[in-house]
């Protein structure tokens, strides 16, 4: 996983932990405040992911032995 992807992951987790809705603009604001440059499409990609799957579901299924998430479903 690239630094850009990790930054977006952590931004999503921060927003979720604070009960704030996850949007591309908010992800971008967090990673910018951290001084990390991400590809312009990544915040939108992560936003689409969390609209299709809940963060709690993604966290609870880590290491469950299932296959990796298929990004093609976005």
PDB file of N, CA and C in Angstrom:
ATOM      1  N   UNK A   1       0.852  -1.167   0.000  1.00  0.00           N
ATOM      2  CA  UNK A   1       0.000   0.000   0.000  1.00  0.00           C
ATOM      3  C   UNK A   1       0.901   1.234   0.000  1.00  0.00           C
ATOM      4  N   UNK A   2       0.557   2.188  -0.819  1.00  0.00           N
ATOM      5  CA  UNK A   2       1.357   3.410  -0.944  1.00  0.00           C
ATOM      6  C   UNK A   2       1.076   4.363   0.218  1.00  0.00           C
ATOM      7  N   UNK A   3       1.943   5.330   0.383  1.00  0.00           N
ATOM      8  CA  UNK A   3       1.771   6.352   1.421  1.00  0.00           C
ATOM      9  C   UNK A   3       0.459   7.107   1.194  1.00  0.00           C
ATOM     10  N   UNK A   4       0.134   7.389  -0.059  1.00  0.00           N
ATOM     11  CA  UNK A   4      -1.109   8.100  -0.381  1.00  0.00           C
ATOM     12  C   UNK A   4      -2.330   7.301   0.059  1.00  0.00           C
ATOM     13  N   UNK A   5      -2.313   5.995  -0.207  1.00  0.00           N
ATOM     14  CA  UNK A   5      -3.429   5.142   0.182  1.00  0.00           C
ATOM     15  C   UNK A   5      -3.535   5.041   1.699  1.00  0.00           C
ATOM     16  N   UNK A   6      -2.397   4.935   2.369  1.00  0.00           N
ATOM     17  CA  UNK A   6      -2.410   4.869   3.830  1.00  0.00           C
ATOM     18  C   UNK A   6      -2.953   6.166   4.423  1.00  0.00           C
ATOM     19  N   UNK A   7      -2.561   7.295   3.846  1.00  0.00           N
ATOM     20  CA  UNK A   7      -3.048   8.582   4.337  1.00  0.00           C
ATOM     21  C   UNK A   7      -4.564   8.669   4.216  1.00  0.00           C
ATOM     22  N   UNK A   8      -5.103   8.212   3.095  1.00  0.00           N
ATOM     23  CA  UNK A   8      -6.561   8.223   2.909  1.00  0.00           C
ATOM     24  C   UNK A   8      -7.245   7.256   3.864  1.00  0.00           C
ATOM     25  N   UNK A   9      -6.624   6.099   4.099  1.00  0.00           N
ATOM     26  CA  UNK A   9      -7.162   5.142   5.073  1.00  0.00           C
ATOM     27  C   UNK A   9      -7.269   5.769   6.446  1.00  0.00           C
ATOM     28  N   UNK A  10      -6.167   6.381   6.892  1.00  0.00           N
ATOM     29  CA  UNK A  10      -6.162   6.995   8.213  1.00  0.00           C
ATOM     30  C   UNK A  10      -7.144   8.160   8.294  1.00  0.00           C
ATOM     31  N   UNK A  11      -7.278   8.911   7.233  1.00  0.00           N
ATOM     32  CA  UNK A  11      -8.243  10.014   7.221  1.00  0.00           C
ATOM     33  C   UNK A  11      -9.663   9.478   7.385  1.00  0.00           C
ATOM     34  N   UNK A  12      -9.973   8.391   6.698  1.00  0.00           N
ATOM     35  CA  UNK A  12     -11.302   7.772   6.829  1.00  0.00           C
ATOM     36  C   UNK A  12     -11.530   7.294   8.260  1.00  0.00           C
ATOM     37  N   UNK A  13     -10.516   6.680   8.845  1.00  0.00           N
ATOM     38  CA  UNK A  13     -10.644   6.199  10.220  1.00  0.00           C
ATOM     39  C   UNK A  13     -10.823   7.353  11.207  1.00  0.00           C
ATOM     40  N   UNK A  14     -10.100   8.446  11.001  1.00  0.00           N
ATOM     41  CA  UNK A  14     -10.256   9.621  11.868  1.00  0.00           C
ATOM     42  C   UNK A  14     -11.670  10.185  11.788  1.00  0.00           C
ATOM     43  N   UNK A  15     -12.163  10.340  10.574  1.00  0.00           N
ATOM     44  CA  UNK A  15     -13.512  10.871  10.392  1.00  0.00           C
ATOM     45  C   UNK A  15     -14.550   9.942  11.011  1.00  0.00           C
ATOM     46  N   UNK A  16     -14.404   8.660  10.764  1.00  0.00           N
ATOM     47  CA  UNK A  16     -15.346   7.681  11.311  1.00  0.00           C
ATOM     48  C   UNK A  16     -15.326   7.687  12.839  1.00  0.00           C
ATOM     49  N   UNK A  17     -14.143   7.736  13.415  1.00  0.00           N
ATOM     50  CA  UNK A  17     -13.998   7.720  14.868  1.00  0.00           C
ATOM     51  C   UNK A  17     -14.672   8.926  15.510  1.00  0.00           C
ATOM     52  N   UNK A  18     -14.656  10.064  14.824  1.00  0.00           N
ATOM     53  CA  UNK A  18     -15.295  11.272  15.337  1.00  0.00           C
ATOM     54  C   UNK A  18     -16.766  11.378  14.947  1.00  0.00           C
ATOM     55  N   UNK A  19     -17.278  10.390  14.216  1.00  0.00           N
ATOM     56  CA  UNK A  19     -18.684  10.399  13.826  1.00  0.00           C
ATOM     57  C   UNK A  19     -18.997  11.411  12.735  1.00  0.00           C
ATOM     58  N   UNK A  20     -17.999  11.779  11.951  1.00  0.00           N
ATOM     59  CA  UNK A  20     -18.170  12.764  10.879  1.00  0.00           C
ATOM     60  C   UNK A  20     -18.357  12.012   9.559  1.00  0.00           C
ATOM     61  N   UNK A  21     -19.271  12.489   8.742  1.00  0.00           N
ATOM     62  CA  UNK A  21     -19.488  11.832   7.452  1.00  0.00           C
ATOM     63  C   UNK A  21     -18.221  11.915   6.603  1.00  0.00           C
ATOM     64  N   UNK A  22     -17.957  10.841   5.893  1.00  0.00           N
ATOM     65  CA  UNK A  22     -16.728  10.741   5.110  1.00  0.00           C
ATOM     66  C   UNK A  22     -17.000  11.214   3.684  1.00  0.00           C
ATOM     67  N   UNK A  23     -16.320  12.292   3.305  1.00  0.00           N
ATOM     68  CA  UNK A  23     -16.434  12.832   1.953  1.00  0.00           C
ATOM     69  C   UNK A  23     -15.036  13.028   1.380  1.00  0.00           C
ATOM     70  N   UNK A  24     -14.971  13.139   0.078  1.00  0.00           N
ATOM     71  CA  UNK A  24     -13.682  13.347  -0.586  1.00  0.00           C
ATOM     72  C   UNK A  24     -13.039  14.653  -0.128  1.00  0.00           C
ATOM     73  N   UNK A  25     -13.850  15.689   0.061  1.00  0.00           N
ATOM     74  CA  UNK A  25     -13.313  16.980   0.500  1.00  0.00           C
ATOM     75  C   UNK A  25     -12.702  16.890   1.891  1.00  0.00           C
ATOM     76  N   UNK A  26     -13.352  16.159   2.773  1.00  0.00           N
ATOM     77  CA  UNK A  26     -12.834  16.030   4.135  1.00  0.00           C
ATOM     78  C   UNK A  26     -11.566  15.183   4.166  1.00  0.00           C
ATOM     79  N   UNK A  27     -11.523  14.134   3.367  1.00  0.00           N
ATOM     80  CA  UNK A  27     -10.311  13.313   3.271  1.00  0.00           C
ATOM     81  C   UNK A  27      -9.169  14.177   2.747  1.00  0.00           C
ATOM     82  N   UNK A  28      -9.431  14.932   1.696  1.00  0.00           N
ATOM     83  CA  UNK A  28      -8.411  15.813   1.115  1.00  0.00           C
ATOM     84  C   UNK A  28      -7.910  16.834   2.122  1.00  0.00           C
ATOM     85  N   UNK A  29      -8.826  17.396   2.918  1.00  0.00           N
ATOM     86  CA  UNK A  29      -8.443  18.397   3.912  1.00  0.00           C
ATOM     87  C   UNK A  29      -7.527  17.798   4.975  1.00  0.00           C
ATOM     88  N   UNK A  30      -7.833  16.586   5.407  1.00  0.00           N
ATOM     89  CA  UNK A  30      -7.015  15.948   6.438  1.00  0.00           C
ATOM     90  C   UNK A  30      -5.620  15.629   5.911  1.00  0.00           C
ATOM     91  N   UNK A  31      -5.549  15.036   4.734  1.00  0.00           N
ATOM     92  CA  UNK A  31      -4.222  14.674   4.219  1.00  0.00           C
ATOM     93  C   UNK A  31      -3.410  15.923   3.865  1.00  0.00           C
ATOM     94  N   UNK A  32      -4.072  16.964   3.419  1.00  0.00           N
ATOM     95  CA  UNK A  32      -3.371  18.227   3.147  1.00  0.00           C
ATOM     96  C   UNK A  32      -2.832  18.832   4.435  1.00  0.00           C
ATOM     97  N   UNK A  33      -3.644  18.792   5.496  1.00  0.00           N
ATOM     98  CA  UNK A  33      -3.207  19.325   6.788  1.00  0.00           C
ATOM     99  C   UNK A  33      -2.015  18.545   7.333  1.00  0.00           C
ATOM    100  N   UNK A  34      -1.927  17.270   6.955  1.00  0.00           N
ATOM    101  CA  UNK A  34      -0.799  16.441   7.389  1.00  0.00           C
ATOM    102  C   UNK A  34       0.421  16.642   6.502  1.00  0.00           C
ATOM    103  N   UNK A  35       0.260  17.421   5.450  1.00  0.00           N
ATOM    104  CA  UNK A  35       1.375  17.691   4.550  1.00  0.00           C
ATOM    105  C   UNK A  35       1.690  16.551   3.602  1.00  0.00           C
ATOM    106  N   UNK A  36       0.688  15.756   3.299  1.00  0.00           N
ATOM    107  CA  UNK A  36       0.870  14.612   2.402  1.00  0.00           C
ATOM    108  C   UNK A  36       0.147  14.892   1.095  1.00  0.00           C
ATOM    109  N   UNK A  37       0.837  14.687  -0.007  1.00  0.00           N
ATOM    110  CA  UNK A  37       0.217  14.854  -1.319  1.00  0.00           C
ATOM    111  C   UNK A  37      -0.316  13.505  -1.774  1.00  0.00           C
ATOM    112  N   UNK A  38      -1.581  13.504  -2.191  1.00  0.00           N
ATOM    113  CA  UNK A  38      -2.183  12.272  -2.699  1.00  0.00           C
ATOM    114  C   UNK A  38      -2.681  12.515  -4.113  1.00  0.00           C
ATOM    115  N   UNK A  39      -2.794  11.439  -4.864  1.00  0.00           N
ATOM    116  CA  UNK A  39      -3.342  11.541  -6.205  1.00  0.00           C
ATOM    117  C   UNK A  39      -4.775  12.060  -6.098  1.00  0.00           C
ATOM    118  N   UNK A  40      -5.184  12.884  -7.022  1.00  0.00           N
ATOM    119  CA  UNK A  40      -6.473  13.572  -6.925  1.00  0.00           C
ATOM    120  C   UNK A  40      -7.676  12.627  -6.924  1.00  0.00           C
ATOM    121  N   UNK A  41      -7.527  11.440  -7.478  1.00  0.00           N
ATOM    122  CA  UNK A  41      -8.656  10.514  -7.552  1.00  0.00           C
ATOM    123  C   UNK A  41      -8.847   9.699  -6.266  1.00  0.00           C
ATOM    124  N   UNK A  42      -7.837   9.618  -5.407  1.00  0.00           N
ATOM    125  CA  UNK A  42      -7.912   8.735  -4.244  1.00  0.00           C
ATOM    126  C   UNK A  42      -8.994   9.114  -3.229  1.00  0.00           C
ATOM    127  N   UNK A  43      -9.141  10.365  -2.829  1.00  0.00           N
ATOM    128  CA  UNK A  43     -10.205  10.673  -1.866  1.00  0.00           C
ATOM    129  C   UNK A  43     -11.591  10.255  -2.365  1.00  0.00           C
ATOM    130  N   UNK A  44     -11.866  10.447  -3.639  1.00  0.00           N
ATOM    131  CA  UNK A  44     -13.145  10.024  -4.198  1.00  0.00           C
ATOM    132  C   UNK A  44     -13.295   8.516  -4.210  1.00  0.00           C
ATOM    133  N   UNK A  45     -12.217   7.829  -4.476  1.00  0.00           N
ATOM    134  CA  UNK A  45     -12.232   6.368  -4.488  1.00  0.00           C
ATOM    135  C   UNK A  45     -12.534   5.822  -3.099  1.00  0.00           C
ATOM    136  N   UNK A  46     -11.891   6.397  -2.097  1.00  0.00           N
ATOM    137  CA  UNK A  46     -12.144   5.958  -0.727  1.00  0.00           C
ATOM    138  C   UNK A  46     -13.556   6.320  -0.285  1.00  0.00           C
ATOM    139  N   UNK A  47     -14.056   7.456  -0.722  1.00  0.00           N
ATOM    140  CA  UNK A  47     -15.430   7.836  -0.404  1.00  0.00           C
ATOM    141  C   UNK A  47     -16.408   6.826  -1.003  1.00  0.00           C
ATOM    142  N   UNK A  48     -16.177   6.422  -2.242  1.00  0.00           N
ATOM    143  CA  UNK A  48     -17.044   5.417  -2.872  1.00  0.00           C
ATOM    144  C   UNK A  48     -16.997   4.098  -2.115  1.00  0.00           C
ATOM    145  N   UNK A  49     -15.829   3.726  -1.637  1.00  0.00           N
ATOM    146  CA  UNK A  49     -15.686   2.485  -0.892  1.00  0.00           C
ATOM    147  C   UNK A  49     -16.523   2.510   0.379  1.00  0.00           C
ATOM    148  N   UNK A  50     -16.418   3.589   1.155  1.00  0.00           N
ATOM    149  CA  UNK A  50     -17.146   3.624   2.425  1.00  0.00           C
ATOM    150  C   UNK A  50     -18.644   3.841   2.234  1.00  0.00           C
ATOM    151  N   UNK A  51     -19.065   4.261   1.048  1.00  0.00           N
ATOM    152  CA  UNK A  51     -20.495   4.340   0.771  1.00  0.00           C
ATOM    153  C   UNK A  51     -21.062   2.956   0.493  1.00  0.00           C
ATOM    154  N   UNK A  52     -20.223   2.055  -0.015  1.00  0.00           N
ATOM    155  CA  UNK A  52     -20.670   0.698  -0.332  1.00  0.00           C
ATOM    156  C   UNK A  52     -20.489  -0.265   0.837  1.00  0.00           C
ATOM    157  N   UNK A  53     -19.493  -0.028   1.671  1.00  0.00           N
ATOM    158  CA  UNK A  53     -19.202  -0.890   2.823  1.00  0.00           C
ATOM    159  C   UNK A  53     -18.980  -0.007   4.033  1.00  0.00           C
ATOM    160  N   UNK A  54     -19.495  -0.404   5.170  1.00  0.00           N
ATOM    161  CA  UNK A  54     -19.295   0.406   6.374  1.00  0.00           C
ATOM    162  C   UNK A  54     -17.875   0.223   6.898  1.00  0.00           C
ATOM    163  N   UNK A  55     -17.366   1.249   7.530  1.00  0.00           N
ATOM    164  CA  UNK A  55     -16.032   1.190   8.115  1.00  0.00           C
ATOM    165  C   UNK A  55     -15.982   0.076   9.162  1.00  0.00           C
ATOM    166  N   UNK A  56     -17.027  -0.038   9.980  1.00  0.00           N
ATOM    167  CA  UNK A  56     -17.058  -1.086  11.002  1.00  0.00           C
ATOM    168  C   UNK A  56     -16.951  -2.471  10.364  1.00  0.00           C
ATOM    169  N   UNK A  57     -17.624  -2.664   9.245  1.00  0.00           N
ATOM    170  CA  UNK A  57     -17.569  -3.941   8.534  1.00  0.00           C
ATOM    171  C   UNK A  57     -16.164  -4.205   8.002  1.00  0.00           C
ATOM    172  N   UNK A  58     -15.549  -3.189   7.436  1.00  0.00           N
ATOM    173  CA  UNK A  58     -14.194  -3.346   6.902  1.00  0.00           C
ATOM    174  C   UNK A  58     -13.188  -3.647   8.010  1.00  0.00           C
ATOM    175  N   UNK A  59     -13.342  -2.989   9.154  1.00  0.00           N
ATOM    176  CA  UNK A  59     -12.428  -3.211  10.271  1.00  0.00           C
ATOM    177  C   UNK A  59     -12.615  -4.610  10.843  1.00  0.00           C
ATOM    178  N   UNK A  60     -13.844  -5.030  11.014  1.00  0.00           N
ATOM    179  CA  UNK A  60     -14.099  -6.326  11.645  1.00  0.00           C
ATOM    180  C   UNK A  60     -13.728  -7.499  10.753  1.00  0.00           C
ATOM    181  N   UNK A  61     -13.591  -7.273   9.454  1.00  0.00           N
ATOM    182  CA  UNK A  61     -13.253  -8.361   8.542  1.00  0.00           C
ATOM    183  C   UNK A  61     -11.772  -8.438   8.203  1.00  0.00           C
ATOM    184  N   UNK A  62     -10.955  -7.636   8.859  1.00  0.00           N
ATOM    185  CA  UNK A  62      -9.513  -7.689   8.615  1.00  0.00           C
ATOM    186  C   UNK A  62      -8.995  -9.027   9.132  1.00  0.00           C
ATOM    187  N   UNK A  63      -8.309  -9.744   8.267  1.00  0.00           N
ATOM    188  CA  UNK A  63      -7.732 -11.016   8.670  1.00  0.00           C
ATOM    189  C   UNK A  63      -8.735 -12.135   8.838  1.00  0.00           C
ATOM    190  N   UNK A  64      -9.927 -11.981   8.290  1.00  0.00           N
ATOM    191  CA  UNK A  64     -10.947 -13.007   8.445  1.00  0.00           C
ATOM    192  C   UNK A  64     -10.736 -14.183   7.499  1.00  0.00           C
ATOM    193  N   UNK A  65      -9.729 -14.089   6.658  1.00  0.00           N
ATOM    194  CA  UNK A  65      -9.450 -15.196   5.759  1.00  0.00           C
ATOM    195  C   UNK A  65     -10.144 -15.073   4.416  1.00  0.00           C
ATOM    196  N   UNK A  66     -10.983 -14.067   4.274  1.00  0.00           N
ATOM    197  CA  UNK A  66     -11.665 -13.858   3.012  1.00  0.00           C
ATOM    198  C   UNK A  66     -10.745 -13.218   1.995  1.00  0.00           C
ATOM    199  N   UNK A  67     -11.197 -13.136   0.777  1.00  0.00           N
ATOM    200  CA  UNK A  67     -10.412 -12.509  -0.269  1.00  0.00           C
ATOM    201  C   UNK A  67     -10.319 -11.016  -0.081  1.00  0.00           C
ATOM    202  N   UNK A  68      -9.408 -10.411  -0.777  1.00  0.00           N
ATOM    203  CA  UNK A  68      -9.239  -8.968  -0.718  1.00  0.00           C
ATOM    204  C   UNK A  68     -10.449  -8.277  -1.324  1.00  0.00           C
ATOM    205  N   UNK A  69     -10.692  -7.043  -0.907  1.00  0.00           N
ATOM    206  CA  UNK A  69     -11.811  -6.293  -1.472  1.00  0.00           C
ATOM    207  C   UNK A  69     -11.567  -6.045  -2.938  1.00  0.00           C
ATOM    208  N   UNK A  70     -12.573  -6.276  -3.745  1.00  0.00           N
ATOM    209  CA  UNK A  70     -12.469  -6.105  -5.192  1.00  0.00           C
ATOM    210  C   UNK A  70     -12.794  -4.654  -5.538  1.00  0.00           C
ATOM    211  N   UNK A  71     -11.763  -3.860  -5.855  1.00  0.00           N
ATOM    212  CA  UNK A  71     -11.958  -2.454  -6.201  1.00  0.00           C
ATOM    213  C   UNK A  71     -12.792  -2.299  -7.459  1.00  0.00           C
ATOM    214  N   UNK A  72     -12.937  -3.373  -8.234  1.00  0.00           N
ATOM    215  CA  UNK A  72     -13.744  -3.308  -9.438  1.00  0.00           C
ATOM    216  C   UNK A  72     -15.228  -3.117  -9.152  1.00  0.00           C
ATOM    217  N   UNK A  73     -15.640  -3.367  -7.889  1.00  0.00           N
ATOM    218  CA  UNK A  73     -17.037  -3.190  -7.507  1.00  0.00           C
ATOM    219  C   UNK A  73     -17.420  -1.731  -7.373  1.00  0.00           C
ATOM    220  N   UNK A  74     -16.433  -0.850  -7.364  1.00  0.00           N
ATOM    221  CA  UNK A  74     -16.739   0.568  -7.211  1.00  0.00           C
ATOM    222  C   UNK A  74     -17.259   1.045  -8.484  1.00  0.00           C
TER     223      UNK A  74
END
